[in-house]
Amino acid sequence: MSHAPSDALRRRHAQVRRDLAAASLDALVVTSLPSITYLTNFTGSTAIVVLTGDRLVFLTDSRYTTAMAETRGTPSECPDLDLVVVEGSYDVSLARVLAERGPTQVGVEAAHLTLSRFRWLDAKLRDLASAPTLVPTEGVVESARLVKDAYEIDVFREAGRRLSR
């Protein structure tokens, strides 16, 4: 039971999207690795996720592209994932993705994105004709993670069984 099934990931995405819609946000930039794992099953050390209304854009470098590609067609594949290979700077790649995808209100995890990165990204996006507005958010994915889904409950039960032996 190492990875959540695709249906569980789909439900997680839907919950976060409902929370984004309630906050009038078109997208969320996720930089917290535990939250990235929760949304994608990715367990590597470096990635950024941009969750939009209908897609999940996954930015990572060449070290992890094979691992992500190998999940395609498996029961734990991350649904609606667009893989973007980062060549060079993650922040430059993120700015490019946000510019290309066209969201107007973009949430960023305030607790996980440094102020200097926020300011750099905001300045980079302002140079664009249709610059999105960056909105600091608190606990969007973490709130969804509080309520355990069936997969997570099964993992806890299995852990309990193993510990009780």
C-alpha atoms as a PDB file:
ATOM      1  CA  MET A   1       0.000   0.000   0.000  1.00  0.00           C
ATOM      2  CA  SER A   2       2.661   2.491  -0.973  1.00  0.00           C
ATOM      3  CA  HIS A   3       0.617   4.781  -3.213  1.00  0.00           C
ATOM      4  CA  ALA A   4      -2.916   6.102  -3.152  1.00  0.00           C
ATOM      5  CA  PRO A   5      -5.094   4.848  -6.008  1.00  0.00           C
ATOM      6  CA  SER A   6      -5.969   7.207  -8.850  1.00  0.00           C
ATOM      7  CA  ASP A   7      -9.576   7.562  -7.652  1.00  0.00           C
ATOM      8  CA  ALA A   8      -8.389   8.779  -4.246  1.00  0.00           C
ATOM      9  CA  LEU A   9      -6.104  11.315  -5.928  1.00  0.00           C
ATOM     10  CA  ARG A  10      -8.991  12.473  -8.122  1.00  0.00           C
ATOM     11  CA  ARG A  11     -11.175  13.033  -5.027  1.00  0.00           C
ATOM     12  CA  ARG A  12      -8.338  14.929  -3.324  1.00  0.00           C
ATOM     13  CA  HIS A  13      -7.944  17.188  -6.354  1.00  0.00           C
ATOM     14  CA  ALA A  14     -11.701  17.812  -6.408  1.00  0.00           C
ATOM     15  CA  GLN A  15     -11.726  18.818  -2.732  1.00  0.00           C
ATOM     16  CA  VAL A  16      -8.861  21.268  -3.168  1.00  0.00           C
ATOM     17  CA  ARG A  17     -10.501  22.667  -6.320  1.00  0.00           C
ATOM     18  CA  ARG A  18     -13.737  23.286  -4.382  1.00  0.00           C
ATOM     19  CA  ASP A  19     -11.742  25.166  -1.752  1.00  0.00           C
ATOM     20  CA  LEU A  20      -9.989  27.189  -4.463  1.00  0.00           C
ATOM     21  CA  ALA A  21     -13.302  28.077  -6.092  1.00  0.00           C
ATOM     22  CA  ALA A  22     -14.693  29.174  -2.711  1.00  0.00           C
ATOM     23  CA  ALA A  23     -11.675  31.484  -2.362  1.00  0.00           C
ATOM     24  CA  SER A  24     -12.115  32.782  -5.968  1.00  0.00           C
ATOM     25  CA  LEU A  25      -8.774  31.318  -7.043  1.00  0.00           C
ATOM     26  CA  ASP A  26      -8.106  29.833 -10.496  1.00  0.00           C
ATOM     27  CA  ALA A  27      -5.012  27.864  -9.499  1.00  0.00           C
ATOM     28  CA  LEU A  28      -2.818  26.905  -6.582  1.00  0.00           C
ATOM     29  CA  VAL A  29       0.970  26.655  -6.564  1.00  0.00           C
ATOM     30  CA  VAL A  30       1.991  23.830  -4.230  1.00  0.00           C
ATOM     31  CA  THR A  31       5.609  23.714  -3.068  1.00  0.00           C
ATOM     32  CA  SER A  32       5.243  21.723   0.169  1.00  0.00           C
ATOM     33  CA  LEU A  33       6.542  18.190  -0.467  1.00  0.00           C
ATOM     34  CA  PRO A  34       4.018  16.479   1.858  1.00  0.00           C
ATOM     35  CA  SER A  35       1.200  18.233   0.001  1.00  0.00           C
ATOM     36  CA  ILE A  36       2.735  17.327  -3.359  1.00  0.00           C
ATOM     37  CA  THR A  37       2.886  13.692  -2.273  1.00  0.00           C
ATOM     38  CA  TYR A  38      -0.740  13.855  -1.098  1.00  0.00           C
ATOM     39  CA  LEU A  39      -1.876  15.171  -4.491  1.00  0.00           C
ATOM     40  CA  THR A  40       0.382  13.119  -6.799  1.00  0.00           C
ATOM     41  CA  ASN A  41       2.037  10.159  -5.010  1.00  0.00           C
ATOM     42  CA  PHE A  42       5.422  11.744  -5.821  1.00  0.00           C
ATOM     43  CA  THR A  43       8.047  10.963  -3.173  1.00  0.00           C
ATOM     44  CA  GLY A  44      11.097  12.682  -4.628  1.00  0.00           C
ATOM     45  CA  SER A  45      12.897  15.679  -3.204  1.00  0.00           C
ATOM     46  CA  THR A  46      12.093  18.434  -5.706  1.00  0.00           C
ATOM     47  CA  ALA A  47       8.905  19.380  -7.528  1.00  0.00           C
ATOM     48  CA  ILE A  48       6.242  22.061  -7.862  1.00  0.00           C
ATOM     49  CA  VAL A  49       2.568  21.431  -8.556  1.00  0.00           C
ATOM     50  CA  VAL A  50       0.161  23.892 -10.130  1.00  0.00           C
ATOM     51  CA  LEU A  51      -3.395  22.706  -9.596  1.00  0.00           C
ATOM     52  CA  THR A  52      -5.877  24.381 -11.947  1.00  0.00           C
ATOM     53  CA  GLY A  53      -9.582  23.841 -12.481  1.00  0.00           C
ATOM     54  CA  ASP A  54      -9.033  20.855 -14.752  1.00  0.00           C
ATOM     55  CA  ARG A  55      -5.346  19.898 -14.771  1.00  0.00           C
ATOM     56  CA  LEU A  56      -2.443  19.234 -12.446  1.00  0.00           C
ATOM     57  CA  VAL A  57       0.801  20.634 -13.826  1.00  0.00           C
ATOM     58  CA  PHE A  58       3.765  18.815 -12.337  1.00  0.00           C
ATOM     59  CA  LEU A  59       7.150  20.502 -12.620  1.00  0.00           C
ATOM     60  CA  THR A  60      10.258  18.460 -11.914  1.00  0.00           C
ATOM     61  CA  ASP A  61      13.728  17.959 -13.288  1.00  0.00           C
ATOM     62  CA  SER A  62      15.113  15.107 -15.360  1.00  0.00           C
ATOM     63  CA  ARG A  63      16.007  13.042 -12.269  1.00  0.00           C
ATOM     64  CA  TYR A  64      12.322  12.284 -11.720  1.00  0.00           C
ATOM     65  CA  THR A  65      10.750  12.233 -15.182  1.00  0.00           C
ATOM     66  CA  THR A  66      11.261   8.485 -15.610  1.00  0.00           C
ATOM     67  CA  ALA A  67       9.696   7.764 -12.214  1.00  0.00           C
ATOM     68  CA  MET A  68       6.657   9.878 -13.072  1.00  0.00           C
ATOM     69  CA  ALA A  69       6.365   8.393 -16.564  1.00  0.00           C
ATOM     70  CA  GLU A  70       6.426   4.869 -15.101  1.00  0.00           C
ATOM     71  CA  THR A  71       3.233   5.594 -13.151  1.00  0.00           C
ATOM     72  CA  ARG A  72       1.279   6.147 -16.388  1.00  0.00           C
ATOM     73  CA  GLY A  73      -1.374   3.468 -16.799  1.00  0.00           C
ATOM     74  CA  THR A  74      -0.939   2.111 -13.268  1.00  0.00           C
ATOM     75  CA  PRO A  75      -3.658   2.008 -10.576  1.00  0.00           C
ATOM     76  CA  SER A  76      -1.840   4.823  -8.742  1.00  0.00           C
ATOM     77  CA  GLU A  77      -1.354   7.129 -11.729  1.00  0.00           C
ATOM     78  CA  CYS A  78      -1.958  10.786 -10.959  1.00  0.00           C
ATOM     79  CA  PRO A  79      -4.991  11.797 -13.039  1.00  0.00           C
ATOM     80  CA  ASP A  80      -4.932  14.794 -15.395  1.00  0.00           C
ATOM     81  CA  LEU A  81      -1.198  15.292 -14.875  1.00  0.00           C
ATOM     82  CA  ASP A  82       0.799  17.427 -17.290  1.00  0.00           C
ATOM     83  CA  LEU A  83       4.512  16.773 -16.803  1.00  0.00           C
ATOM     84  CA  VAL A  84       6.809  19.763 -17.316  1.00  0.00           C
ATOM     85  CA  VAL A  85      10.534  19.046 -17.295  1.00  0.00           C
ATOM     86  CA  VAL A  86      12.479  21.810 -15.575  1.00  0.00           C
ATOM     87  CA  GLU A  87      15.704  22.695 -17.324  1.00  0.00           C
ATOM     88  CA  GLY A  88      17.468  25.264 -15.206  1.00  0.00           C
ATOM     89  CA  SER A  89      15.461  27.277 -12.716  1.00  0.00           C
ATOM     90  CA  TYR A  90      12.280  25.952 -11.119  1.00  0.00           C
ATOM     91  CA  ASP A  91      11.035  29.494 -10.573  1.00  0.00           C
ATOM     92  CA  VAL A  92      11.551  30.503 -14.213  1.00  0.00           C
ATOM     93  CA  SER A  93       9.707  27.344 -15.284  1.00  0.00           C
ATOM     94  CA  LEU A  94       6.888  28.087 -12.837  1.00  0.00           C
ATOM     95  CA  ALA A  95       6.534  31.644 -14.159  1.00  0.00           C
ATOM     96  CA  ARG A  96       6.380  30.286 -17.715  1.00  0.00           C
ATOM     97  CA  VAL A  97       3.689  27.737 -16.787  1.00  0.00           C
ATOM     98  CA  LEU A  98       1.575  30.383 -15.068  1.00  0.00           C
ATOM     99  CA  ALA A  99       1.940  32.715 -18.041  1.00  0.00           C
ATOM    100  CA  GLU A 100       1.005  29.980 -20.530  1.00  0.00           C
ATOM    101  CA  ARG A 101      -1.944  28.546 -18.575  1.00  0.00           C
ATOM    102  CA  GLY A 102      -3.537  31.952 -18.043  1.00  0.00           C
ATOM    103  CA  PRO A 103      -5.022  31.827 -14.533  1.00  0.00           C
ATOM    104  CA  THR A 104      -5.891  35.274 -13.193  1.00  0.00           C
ATOM    105  CA  GLN A 105      -5.913  34.598  -9.437  1.00  0.00           C
ATOM    106  CA  VAL A 106      -3.209  32.188  -8.269  1.00  0.00           C
ATOM    107  CA  GLY A 107      -2.908  31.002  -4.691  1.00  0.00           C
ATOM    108  CA  VAL A 108       0.549  30.291  -3.299  1.00  0.00           C
ATOM    109  CA  GLU A 109       1.338  28.452  -0.082  1.00  0.00           C
ATOM    110  CA  ALA A 110       2.449  31.334   2.147  1.00  0.00           C
ATOM    111  CA  ALA A 111       3.961  28.993   4.730  1.00  0.00           C
ATOM    112  CA  HIS A 112       6.122  27.228   2.141  1.00  0.00           C
ATOM    113  CA  LEU A 113       7.142  29.891  -0.387  1.00  0.00           C
ATOM    114  CA  THR A 114       9.780  32.288   0.903  1.00  0.00           C
ATOM    115  CA  LEU A 115       9.109  35.993   0.691  1.00  0.00           C
ATOM    116  CA  SER A 116      12.043  36.473  -1.670  1.00  0.00           C
ATOM    117  CA  ARG A 117      10.710  33.772  -4.050  1.00  0.00           C
ATOM    118  CA  PHE A 118       7.221  35.283  -3.841  1.00  0.00           C
ATOM    119  CA  ARG A 119       8.552  38.748  -4.683  1.00  0.00           C
ATOM    120  CA  TRP A 120      10.685  37.426  -7.549  1.00  0.00           C
ATOM    121  CA  LEU A 121       7.768  35.468  -9.035  1.00  0.00           C
ATOM    122  CA  ASP A 122       5.387  38.403  -8.617  1.00  0.00           C
ATOM    123  CA  ALA A 123       7.837  40.776 -10.348  1.00  0.00           C
ATOM    124  CA  LYS A 124       8.473  38.275 -13.162  1.00  0.00           C
ATOM    125  CA  LEU A 125       4.735  37.828 -13.763  1.00  0.00           C
ATOM    126  CA  ARG A 126       4.058  41.582 -13.704  1.00  0.00           C
ATOM    127  CA  ASP A 127       6.284  41.907 -16.770  1.00  0.00           C
ATOM    128  CA  LEU A 128       3.679  39.952 -18.731  1.00  0.00           C
ATOM    129  CA  ALA A 129       0.708  41.467 -20.523  1.00  0.00           C
ATOM    130  CA  SER A 130      -1.811  39.217 -18.753  1.00  0.00           C
ATOM    131  CA  ALA A 131      -0.107  38.821 -15.405  1.00  0.00           C
ATOM    132  CA  PRO A 132      -1.913  36.714 -12.824  1.00  0.00           C
ATOM    133  CA  THR A 133      -2.301  38.037  -9.313  1.00  0.00           C
ATOM    134  CA  LEU A 134      -0.524  35.993  -6.651  1.00  0.00           C
ATOM    135  CA  VAL A 135      -2.580  35.482  -3.500  1.00  0.00           C
ATOM    136  CA  PRO A 136      -0.964  34.120  -0.318  1.00  0.00           C
ATOM    137  CA  THR A 137      -2.975  31.206   1.094  1.00  0.00           C
ATOM    138  CA  GLU A 138      -2.850  29.250   4.324  1.00  0.00           C
ATOM    139  CA  GLY A 139      -3.523  25.552   4.694  1.00  0.00           C
ATOM    140  CA  VAL A 140      -5.511  24.854   1.531  1.00  0.00           C
ATOM    141  CA  VAL A 141      -4.102  21.368   0.926  1.00  0.00           C
ATOM    142  CA  GLU A 142      -3.494  20.802   4.632  1.00  0.00           C
ATOM    143  CA  SER A 143      -7.220  21.300   5.307  1.00  0.00           C
ATOM    144  CA  ALA A 144      -8.048  18.594   2.782  1.00  0.00           C
ATOM    145  CA  ARG A 145      -5.432  16.330   4.375  1.00  0.00           C
ATOM    146  CA  LEU A 146      -7.152  16.551   7.785  1.00  0.00           C
ATOM    147  CA  VAL A 147     -10.052  14.356   6.694  1.00  0.00           C
ATOM    148  CA  LYS A 148      -8.687  10.900   5.963  1.00  0.00           C
ATOM    149  CA  ASP A 149      -9.949   9.082   2.884  1.00  0.00           C
ATOM    150  CA  ALA A 150     -10.587   5.338   2.621  1.00  0.00           C
ATOM    151  CA  TYR A 151      -7.068   4.673   1.351  1.00  0.00           C
ATOM    152  CA  GLU A 152      -5.469   6.484   4.290  1.00  0.00           C
ATOM    153  CA  ILE A 153      -7.724   4.702   6.794  1.00  0.00           C
ATOM    154  CA  ASP A 154      -6.724   1.345   5.277  1.00  0.00           C
ATOM    155  CA  VAL A 155      -3.047   2.303   5.645  1.00  0.00           C
ATOM    156  CA  PHE A 156      -3.610   3.147   9.331  1.00  0.00           C
ATOM    157  CA  ARG A 157      -5.449  -0.130   9.897  1.00  0.00           C
ATOM    158  CA  GLU A 158      -2.681  -2.126   8.247  1.00  0.00           C
ATOM    159  CA  ALA A 159      -0.066  -0.285  10.318  1.00  0.00           C
ATOM    160  CA  GLY A 160      -2.062  -1.047  13.454  1.00  0.00           C
ATOM    161  CA  ARG A 161      -2.270  -4.739  12.528  1.00  0.00           C
ATOM    162  CA  ARG A 162       1.471  -4.901  11.940  1.00  0.00           C
ATOM    163  CA  LEU A 163       2.259  -3.092  15.174  1.00  0.00           C
ATOM    164  CA  SER A 164      -0.053  -5.308  17.224  1.00  0.00           C
ATOM    165  CA  ARG A 165       1.779  -8.448  16.087  1.00  0.00           C
END
